[in-house]
Amino acid sequence: MALKRIIPCLLYNGTGLVKTVQFKNPSYVGDPINAIKIFNDKEVDELILIDINASKEKREPNFEKIADMTTEAFMPFAYGGGVKSFNHFAKLYKMGIEKVVVNSLIQENPEVIKKTIQAYGSQAVVGVLDVKKAFLKGKAPYSYLGNKIAKSIVDYAKYLEQEIGVGELFLQSVDLDGTWEGYDTEVINEIVNQISIPLIVSGGCGNLTHLKNVLYDYNVNAAAIGSMAVYSKKGMGVLINFPDRQSVIRE
């Protein structure tokens, strides 16, 4: 059986780590360097850090701060937020970022992503698919600005793989973010067998059962955790956290 990854997904607001609920109301949870040091000790599989304000504030990545983070990180490190040019990609890879997570750039300038993939390979770029309930019915993909994308969820997933060429897909449930209610298995089931690239799922994880469910029953490649990575329990205080690997393995 292929290795199943569990990935802390940290949200950064330009100054510190925060956690959102349904992509809203960010609450401060600590310093990224301290969190990375703890995750080093816990031997996490991989780490994702997203600057949630960079694109909205039209600023480039904080390269100085990111360099400090990559120096501390002993695990594969993915970064997203404010990446708009080929030079941004190149600079991030040079400082040790293994994968760049793209979202707004998919709508704004996909040719930059394609150029990057040509130069560095598809494994170096992760494409984001944000999903939430549509205004009238069902669920649909949405841009980082909250605008509905004129494709079905499956078609958008295929577009990211086949036309943009990303090496991994990062599926985020906006509605379940920060709720501890479990992943959106309905959407996961809809797309997991429609793509051939690895699928990372995010949004809603609250316990070990949720992790086992998506990793084994739905056969996704990786499960991202947000609240579980920064809080001790739902409604409780901040605690940088990572589940014991043996407790998640299913024989």
C-alpha atoms as a PDB file:
ATOM      1  CA  MET A   1       0.000   0.000   0.000  1.00  0.00           C
ATOM      2  CA  ALA A   2       1.315   3.473  -0.941  1.00  0.00           C
ATOM      3  CA  LEU A   3       2.384   5.759   1.852  1.00  0.00           C
ATOM      4  CA  LYS A   4      -0.492   7.843   3.180  1.00  0.00           C
ATOM      5  CA  ARG A   5       0.552  11.354   4.159  1.00  0.00           C
ATOM      6  CA  ILE A   6      -0.831  13.502   6.969  1.00  0.00           C
ATOM      7  CA  ILE A   7       0.056  17.143   6.420  1.00  0.00           C
ATOM      8  CA  PRO A   8      -0.348  20.047   8.850  1.00  0.00           C
ATOM      9  CA  CYS A   9      -1.680  23.016   6.876  1.00  0.00           C
ATOM     10  CA  LEU A  10      -0.703  26.267   8.563  1.00  0.00           C
ATOM     11  CA  LEU A  11      -2.313  29.592   7.733  1.00  0.00           C
ATOM     12  CA  TYR A  12      -0.145  32.703   7.841  1.00  0.00           C
ATOM     13  CA  ASN A  13      -1.451  36.284   7.817  1.00  0.00           C
ATOM     14  CA  GLY A  14       1.845  38.035   7.144  1.00  0.00           C
ATOM     15  CA  THR A  15       2.889  38.268  10.775  1.00  0.00           C
ATOM     16  CA  GLY A  16       1.829  35.076  12.553  1.00  0.00           C
ATOM     17  CA  LEU A  17      -0.135  31.848  12.313  1.00  0.00           C
ATOM     18  CA  VAL A  18      -3.921  32.021  12.371  1.00  0.00           C
ATOM     19  CA  LYS A  19      -6.825  29.596  12.084  1.00  0.00           C
ATOM     20  CA  THR A  20     -10.067  30.311  10.299  1.00  0.00           C
ATOM     21  CA  VAL A  21     -13.583  28.883  10.341  1.00  0.00           C
ATOM     22  CA  GLN A  22     -15.082  28.596   6.850  1.00  0.00           C
ATOM     23  CA  PHE A  23     -12.241  30.837   5.645  1.00  0.00           C
ATOM     24  CA  LYS A  24     -13.421  33.662   7.965  1.00  0.00           C
ATOM     25  CA  ASN A  25     -12.580  35.195  11.344  1.00  0.00           C
ATOM     26  CA  PRO A  26      -8.884  34.284  11.635  1.00  0.00           C
ATOM     27  CA  SER A  27      -7.697  33.735  15.202  1.00  0.00           C
ATOM     28  CA  TYR A  28      -4.039  34.067  16.155  1.00  0.00           C
ATOM     29  CA  VAL A  29      -2.444  30.747  17.125  1.00  0.00           C
ATOM     30  CA  GLY A  30       1.275  31.453  17.324  1.00  0.00           C
ATOM     31  CA  ASP A  31       4.631  31.946  15.665  1.00  0.00           C
ATOM     32  CA  PRO A  32       5.407  29.861  12.552  1.00  0.00           C
ATOM     33  CA  ILE A  33       9.037  29.190  13.484  1.00  0.00           C
ATOM     34  CA  ASN A  34       8.046  27.729  16.856  1.00  0.00           C
ATOM     35  CA  ALA A  35       5.400  25.564  15.183  1.00  0.00           C
ATOM     36  CA  ILE A  36       7.883  24.271  12.607  1.00  0.00           C
ATOM     37  CA  LYS A  37      10.356  23.324  15.336  1.00  0.00           C
ATOM     38  CA  ILE A  38       7.659  21.316  17.109  1.00  0.00           C
ATOM     39  CA  PHE A  39       6.611  19.598  13.881  1.00  0.00           C
ATOM     40  CA  ASN A  40      10.266  18.696  13.297  1.00  0.00           C
ATOM     41  CA  ASP A  41      10.282  16.880  16.631  1.00  0.00           C
ATOM     42  CA  LYS A  42       7.031  15.132  15.756  1.00  0.00           C
ATOM     43  CA  GLU A  43       8.501  13.985  12.426  1.00  0.00           C
ATOM     44  CA  VAL A  44       5.588  15.113  10.283  1.00  0.00           C
ATOM     45  CA  ASP A  45       5.397  13.830   6.714  1.00  0.00           C
ATOM     46  CA  GLU A  46       5.197  17.223   5.058  1.00  0.00           C
ATOM     47  CA  LEU A  47       4.164  20.798   5.822  1.00  0.00           C
ATOM     48  CA  ILE A  48       2.003  23.294   3.948  1.00  0.00           C
ATOM     49  CA  LEU A  49       2.016  26.998   4.779  1.00  0.00           C
ATOM     50  CA  ILE A  50      -0.439  29.368   3.096  1.00  0.00           C
ATOM     51  CA  ASP A  51      -0.241  33.151   3.360  1.00  0.00           C
ATOM     52  CA  ILE A  52      -3.970  33.849   3.273  1.00  0.00           C
ATOM     53  CA  ASN A  53      -3.620  37.619   2.833  1.00  0.00           C
ATOM     54  CA  ALA A  54      -0.847  37.967   0.271  1.00  0.00           C
ATOM     55  CA  SER A  55      -2.975  37.828  -2.892  1.00  0.00           C
ATOM     56  CA  LYS A  56      -5.846  39.828  -1.391  1.00  0.00           C
ATOM     57  CA  GLU A  57      -3.395  42.535  -0.270  1.00  0.00           C
ATOM     58  CA  LYS A  58      -1.585  42.357  -3.638  1.00  0.00           C
ATOM     59  CA  ARG A  59       1.809  41.756  -2.051  1.00  0.00           C
ATOM     60  CA  GLU A  60       4.478  39.260  -2.952  1.00  0.00           C
ATOM     61  CA  PRO A  61       5.558  36.437  -0.635  1.00  0.00           C
ATOM     62  CA  ASN A  62       7.569  37.485   2.419  1.00  0.00           C
ATOM     63  CA  PHE A  63      10.744  35.872   1.124  1.00  0.00           C
ATOM     64  CA  GLU A  64      12.832  36.822   4.145  1.00  0.00           C
ATOM     65  CA  LYS A  65      10.400  35.178   6.556  1.00  0.00           C
ATOM     66  CA  ILE A  66       9.929  32.148   4.284  1.00  0.00           C
ATOM     67  CA  ALA A  67      13.717  31.682   4.140  1.00  0.00           C
ATOM     68  CA  ASP A  68      13.776  31.620   7.947  1.00  0.00           C
ATOM     69  CA  MET A  69      11.074  28.951   7.922  1.00  0.00           C
ATOM     70  CA  THR A  70      12.750  26.731   5.337  1.00  0.00           C
ATOM     71  CA  THR A  71      15.997  26.911   7.295  1.00  0.00           C
ATOM     72  CA  GLU A  72      14.181  25.477  10.311  1.00  0.00           C
ATOM     73  CA  ALA A  73      12.080  22.886   8.483  1.00  0.00           C
ATOM     74  CA  PHE A  74      13.454  19.343   8.281  1.00  0.00           C
ATOM     75  CA  MET A  75      10.495  18.047   6.278  1.00  0.00           C
ATOM     76  CA  PRO A  76       9.263  18.702   2.707  1.00  0.00           C
ATOM     77  CA  PHE A  77       7.785  22.189   2.745  1.00  0.00           C
ATOM     78  CA  ALA A  78       5.069  23.592   0.460  1.00  0.00           C
ATOM     79  CA  TYR A  79       4.161  27.275   0.316  1.00  0.00           C
ATOM     80  CA  GLY A  80       1.318  29.264  -1.224  1.00  0.00           C
ATOM     81  CA  GLY A  81       0.277  32.909  -1.280  1.00  0.00           C
ATOM     82  CA  GLY A  82       1.145  35.931  -3.417  1.00  0.00           C
ATOM     83  CA  VAL A  83       3.057  33.957  -6.051  1.00  0.00           C
ATOM     84  CA  LYS A  84       2.500  35.819  -9.317  1.00  0.00           C
ATOM     85  CA  SER A  85       5.582  35.447 -11.500  1.00  0.00           C
ATOM     86  CA  PHE A  86       8.066  32.863 -12.722  1.00  0.00           C
ATOM     87  CA  ASN A  87      10.724  34.670 -10.687  1.00  0.00           C
ATOM     88  CA  HIS A  88       8.636  34.195  -7.547  1.00  0.00           C
ATOM     89  CA  PHE A  89       8.543  30.452  -8.174  1.00  0.00           C
ATOM     90  CA  ALA A  90      12.264  30.328  -8.894  1.00  0.00           C
ATOM     91  CA  LYS A  91      13.120  32.278  -5.759  1.00  0.00           C
ATOM     92  CA  LEU A  92      10.998  30.009  -3.568  1.00  0.00           C
ATOM     93  CA  TYR A  93      12.520  26.821  -4.983  1.00  0.00           C
ATOM     94  CA  LYS A  94      16.024  28.227  -4.553  1.00  0.00           C
ATOM     95  CA  MET A  95      15.428  28.877  -0.856  1.00  0.00           C
ATOM     96  CA  GLY A  96      14.220  25.328  -0.226  1.00  0.00           C
ATOM     97  CA  ILE A  97      10.479  25.294  -0.919  1.00  0.00           C
ATOM     98  CA  GLU A  98       9.746  21.917  -2.496  1.00  0.00           C
ATOM     99  CA  LYS A  99       6.260  22.681  -3.834  1.00  0.00           C
ATOM    100  CA  VAL A 100       4.401  25.907  -4.549  1.00  0.00           C
ATOM    101  CA  VAL A 101       0.648  25.886  -3.968  1.00  0.00           C
ATOM    102  CA  VAL A 102      -1.252  27.981  -6.531  1.00  0.00           C
ATOM    103  CA  ASN A 103      -4.771  29.326  -6.379  1.00  0.00           C
ATOM    104  CA  SER A 104      -5.389  32.902  -7.577  1.00  0.00           C
ATOM    105  CA  LEU A 105      -2.751  32.546 -10.305  1.00  0.00           C
ATOM    106  CA  ILE A 106      -4.794  29.779 -11.930  1.00  0.00           C
ATOM    107  CA  GLN A 107      -7.430  32.371 -12.888  1.00  0.00           C
ATOM    108  CA  GLU A 108      -5.086  35.346 -13.317  1.00  0.00           C
ATOM    109  CA  ASN A 109      -2.174  33.970 -15.347  1.00  0.00           C
ATOM    110  CA  PRO A 110      -2.094  30.204 -15.903  1.00  0.00           C
ATOM    111  CA  GLU A 111       0.712  30.559 -18.461  1.00  0.00           C
ATOM    112  CA  VAL A 112       3.123  31.401 -15.645  1.00  0.00           C
ATOM    113  CA  ILE A 113       2.216  28.113 -13.976  1.00  0.00           C
ATOM    114  CA  LYS A 114       2.737  26.184 -17.219  1.00  0.00           C
ATOM    115  CA  LYS A 115       6.139  27.832 -17.711  1.00  0.00           C
ATOM    116  CA  THR A 116       7.120  26.878 -14.171  1.00  0.00           C
ATOM    117  CA  ILE A 117       6.045  23.272 -14.690  1.00  0.00           C
ATOM    118  CA  GLN A 118       8.098  23.132 -17.891  1.00  0.00           C
ATOM    119  CA  ALA A 119      11.154  24.331 -15.992  1.00  0.00           C
ATOM    120  CA  TYR A 120      10.792  22.509 -12.670  1.00  0.00           C
ATOM    121  CA  GLY A 121       8.389  19.624 -13.311  1.00  0.00           C
ATOM    122  CA  SER A 122       4.766  19.025 -12.405  1.00  0.00           C
ATOM    123  CA  GLN A 123       5.694  17.679  -8.950  1.00  0.00           C
ATOM    124  CA  ALA A 124       6.790  21.206  -7.968  1.00  0.00           C
ATOM    125  CA  VAL A 125       3.306  22.753  -8.301  1.00  0.00           C
ATOM    126  CA  VAL A 126       0.129  21.978  -6.346  1.00  0.00           C
ATOM    127  CA  GLY A 127      -3.195  23.278  -7.669  1.00  0.00           C
ATOM    128  CA  VAL A 128      -5.942  24.372  -5.271  1.00  0.00           C
ATOM    129  CA  LEU A 129      -9.575  23.458  -5.773  1.00  0.00           C
ATOM    130  CA  ASP A 130     -11.790  25.384  -3.335  1.00  0.00           C
ATOM    131  CA  VAL A 131     -15.306  23.938  -3.096  1.00  0.00           C
ATOM    132  CA  LYS A 132     -18.380  25.254  -1.308  1.00  0.00           C
ATOM    133  CA  LYS A 133     -22.159  25.179  -1.558  1.00  0.00           C
ATOM    134  CA  ALA A 134     -23.472  27.074  -4.543  1.00  0.00           C
ATOM    135  CA  PHE A 135     -26.071  29.834  -4.199  1.00  0.00           C
ATOM    136  CA  LEU A 136     -29.002  27.817  -5.488  1.00  0.00           C
ATOM    137  CA  LYS A 137     -28.068  24.167  -5.064  1.00  0.00           C
ATOM    138  CA  GLY A 138     -25.233  21.699  -5.029  1.00  0.00           C
ATOM    139  CA  LYS A 139     -21.543  22.496  -4.685  1.00  0.00           C
ATOM    140  CA  ALA A 140     -19.149  24.194  -7.057  1.00  0.00           C
ATOM    141  CA  PRO A 141     -15.529  25.333  -7.382  1.00  0.00           C
ATOM    142  CA  TYR A 142     -14.853  28.922  -6.321  1.00  0.00           C
ATOM    143  CA  SER A 143     -11.983  31.337  -6.847  1.00  0.00           C
ATOM    144  CA  TYR A 144      -9.984  32.729  -3.929  1.00  0.00           C
ATOM    145  CA  LEU A 145     -12.141  35.889  -4.173  1.00  0.00           C
ATOM    146  CA  GLY A 146     -15.294  33.846  -3.670  1.00  0.00           C
ATOM    147  CA  ASN A 147     -16.452  33.920  -7.281  1.00  0.00           C
ATOM    148  CA  LYS A 148     -18.018  30.794  -8.708  1.00  0.00           C
ATOM    149  CA  ILE A 149     -15.926  29.150 -11.430  1.00  0.00           C
ATOM    150  CA  ALA A 150     -17.804  28.242 -14.602  1.00  0.00           C
ATOM    151  CA  LYS A 151     -16.887  24.559 -14.499  1.00  0.00           C
ATOM    152  CA  SER A 152     -18.133  21.568 -12.567  1.00  0.00           C
ATOM    153  CA  ILE A 153     -15.967  20.284  -9.733  1.00  0.00           C
ATOM    154  CA  VAL A 154     -14.823  17.289 -11.788  1.00  0.00           C
ATOM    155  CA  ASP A 155     -14.163  19.378 -14.893  1.00  0.00           C
ATOM    156  CA  TYR A 156     -12.122  21.890 -12.913  1.00  0.00           C
ATOM    157  CA  ALA A 157     -10.087  19.100 -11.317  1.00  0.00           C
ATOM    158  CA  LYS A 158      -9.382  17.672 -14.774  1.00  0.00           C
ATOM    159  CA  TYR A 159      -8.519  21.141 -16.083  1.00  0.00           C
ATOM    160  CA  LEU A 160      -5.902  21.588 -13.359  1.00  0.00           C
ATOM    161  CA  GLU A 161      -4.373  18.197 -14.118  1.00  0.00           C
ATOM    162  CA  GLN A 162      -4.640  18.006 -17.883  1.00  0.00           C
ATOM    163  CA  GLU A 163      -4.439  21.614 -19.090  1.00  0.00           C
ATOM    164  CA  ILE A 164      -2.467  23.406 -16.378  1.00  0.00           C
ATOM    165  CA  GLY A 165      -0.380  20.318 -15.589  1.00  0.00           C
ATOM    166  CA  VAL A 166      -0.145  20.509 -11.802  1.00  0.00           C
ATOM    167  CA  GLY A 167       1.390  17.512 -10.065  1.00  0.00           C
ATOM    168  CA  GLU A 168      -0.986  17.391  -7.107  1.00  0.00           C
ATOM    169  CA  LEU A 169      -4.499  18.599  -6.366  1.00  0.00           C
ATOM    170  CA  PHE A 170      -5.310  20.308  -3.068  1.00  0.00           C
ATOM    171  CA  LEU A 171      -9.062  20.013  -2.439  1.00  0.00           C
ATOM    172  CA  GLN A 172     -10.339  22.434   0.197  1.00  0.00           C
ATOM    173  CA  SER A 173     -13.875  22.450   1.614  1.00  0.00           C
ATOM    174  CA  VAL A 174     -14.717  26.055   2.471  1.00  0.00           C
ATOM    175  CA  ASP A 175     -17.898  25.078   4.297  1.00  0.00           C
ATOM    176  CA  LEU A 176     -16.177  22.550   6.561  1.00  0.00           C
ATOM    177  CA  ASP A 177     -13.007  24.539   7.280  1.00  0.00           C
ATOM    178  CA  GLY A 178     -12.458  24.766  11.029  1.00  0.00           C
ATOM    179  CA  THR A 179     -15.666  22.912  11.913  1.00  0.00           C
ATOM    180  CA  TRP A 180     -14.130  19.596  13.142  1.00  0.00           C
ATOM    181  CA  GLU A 181     -17.060  17.814  11.429  1.00  0.00           C
ATOM    182  CA  GLY A 182     -15.090  15.649   8.999  1.00  0.00           C
ATOM    183  CA  TYR A 183     -13.960  15.919   5.400  1.00  0.00           C
ATOM    184  CA  ASP A 184     -16.345  16.443   2.503  1.00  0.00           C
ATOM    185  CA  THR A 185     -16.478  12.803   1.447  1.00  0.00           C
ATOM    186  CA  GLU A 186     -19.226  13.500  -1.082  1.00  0.00           C
ATOM    187  CA  VAL A 187     -16.926  15.716  -3.150  1.00  0.00           C
ATOM    188  CA  ILE A 188     -13.900  13.517  -2.513  1.00  0.00           C
ATOM    189  CA  ASN A 189     -15.775  10.503  -3.852  1.00  0.00           C
ATOM    190  CA  GLU A 190     -16.829  12.531  -6.886  1.00  0.00           C
ATOM    191  CA  ILE A 191     -13.294  13.333  -8.041  1.00  0.00           C
ATOM    192  CA  VAL A 192     -10.832  10.840  -6.518  1.00  0.00           C
ATOM    193  CA  ASN A 193     -11.162   8.365  -9.373  1.00  0.00           C
ATOM    194  CA  GLN A 194     -11.442  11.044 -12.060  1.00  0.00           C
ATOM    195  CA  ILE A 195      -7.844  12.234 -11.755  1.00  0.00           C
ATOM    196  CA  SER A 196      -4.532  10.406 -11.917  1.00  0.00           C
ATOM    197  CA  ILE A 197      -2.455  12.845  -9.833  1.00  0.00           C
ATOM    198  CA  PRO A 198      -2.210  12.664  -6.007  1.00  0.00           C
ATOM    199  CA  LEU A 199      -5.139  14.196  -4.120  1.00  0.00           C
ATOM    200  CA  ILE A 200      -4.676  16.113  -0.869  1.00  0.00           C
ATOM    201  CA  VAL A 201      -7.928  16.793   0.998  1.00  0.00           C
ATOM    202  CA  SER A 202      -8.467  19.583   3.497  1.00  0.00           C
ATOM    203  CA  GLY A 203     -11.244  21.062   5.603  1.00  0.00           C
ATOM    204  CA  GLY A 204     -13.137  19.641   8.559  1.00  0.00           C
ATOM    205  CA  CYS A 205     -10.859  17.020  10.108  1.00  0.00           C
ATOM    206  CA  GLY A 206     -11.625  16.613  13.795  1.00  0.00           C
ATOM    207  CA  ASN A 207     -10.432  13.164  14.877  1.00  0.00           C
ATOM    208  CA  LEU A 208      -8.508  10.052  13.924  1.00  0.00           C
ATOM    209  CA  THR A 209     -11.585   8.383  12.454  1.00  0.00           C
ATOM    210  CA  HIS A 210     -11.918  11.200   9.939  1.00  0.00           C
ATOM    211  CA  LEU A 211      -8.305  10.667   8.905  1.00  0.00           C
ATOM    212  CA  LYS A 212      -8.630   6.906   8.552  1.00  0.00           C
ATOM    213  CA  ASN A 213     -11.860   7.308   6.635  1.00  0.00           C
ATOM    214  CA  VAL A 214     -10.476   9.515   3.857  1.00  0.00           C
ATOM    215  CA  LEU A 215      -7.078   7.844   3.674  1.00  0.00           C
ATOM    216  CA  TYR A 216      -8.328   4.277   3.430  1.00  0.00           C
ATOM    217  CA  ASP A 217     -12.056   4.162   2.672  1.00  0.00           C
ATOM    218  CA  TYR A 218     -11.808   6.932   0.058  1.00  0.00           C
ATOM    219  CA  ASN A 219      -8.224   6.145  -0.903  1.00  0.00           C
ATOM    220  CA  VAL A 220      -6.892   9.697  -1.085  1.00  0.00           C
ATOM    221  CA  ASN A 221      -3.135  10.168  -1.072  1.00  0.00           C
ATOM    222  CA  ALA A 222      -2.865  12.752   1.695  1.00  0.00           C
ATOM    223  CA  ALA A 223      -5.010  14.376   4.370  1.00  0.00           C
ATOM    224  CA  ALA A 224      -4.304  17.916   5.521  1.00  0.00           C
ATOM    225  CA  ILE A 225      -5.134  18.933   9.070  1.00  0.00           C
ATOM    226  CA  GLY A 226      -5.670  22.495  10.248  1.00  0.00           C
ATOM    227  CA  SER A 227      -7.478  22.832  13.567  1.00  0.00           C
ATOM    228  CA  MET A 228      -6.180  19.460  14.747  1.00  0.00           C
ATOM    229  CA  ALA A 229      -2.642  20.719  14.126  1.00  0.00           C
ATOM    230  CA  VAL A 230      -2.931  23.888  16.206  1.00  0.00           C
ATOM    231  CA  TYR A 231      -5.528  23.190  18.924  1.00  0.00           C
ATOM    232  CA  SER A 232      -5.601  20.576  21.674  1.00  0.00           C
ATOM    233  CA  LYS A 233      -9.314  19.880  21.103  1.00  0.00           C
ATOM    234  CA  LYS A 234     -12.340  21.645  19.682  1.00  0.00           C
ATOM    235  CA  GLY A 235     -13.034  24.725  21.765  1.00  0.00           C
ATOM    236  CA  MET A 236      -9.806  24.302  23.723  1.00  0.00           C
ATOM    237  CA  GLY A 237      -6.532  26.199  23.733  1.00  0.00           C
ATOM    238  CA  VAL A 238      -3.705  26.404  21.245  1.00  0.00           C
ATOM    239  CA  LEU A 239      -1.420  23.379  21.158  1.00  0.00           C
ATOM    240  CA  ILE A 240       0.771  22.475  18.194  1.00  0.00           C
ATOM    241  CA  ASN A 241      -0.310  18.917  17.618  1.00  0.00           C
ATOM    242  CA  PHE A 242       0.169  15.934  15.328  1.00  0.00           C
ATOM    243  CA  PRO A 243      -1.451  12.501  15.591  1.00  0.00           C
ATOM    244  CA  ASP A 244       0.657   9.491  16.389  1.00  0.00           C
ATOM    245  CA  ARG A 245       1.356   7.730  13.099  1.00  0.00           C
ATOM    246  CA  GLN A 246       0.554   4.264  14.473  1.00  0.00           C
ATOM    247  CA  SER A 247      -2.886   5.404  15.590  1.00  0.00           C
ATOM    248  CA  VAL A 248      -3.828   6.284  12.011  1.00  0.00           C
ATOM    249  CA  ILE A 249      -2.407   3.281  10.151  1.00  0.00           C
ATOM    250  CA  ARG A 250      -5.005   0.766   9.070  1.00  0.00           C
ATOM    251  CA  GLU A 251      -3.697  -2.713   8.374  1.00  0.00           C
END
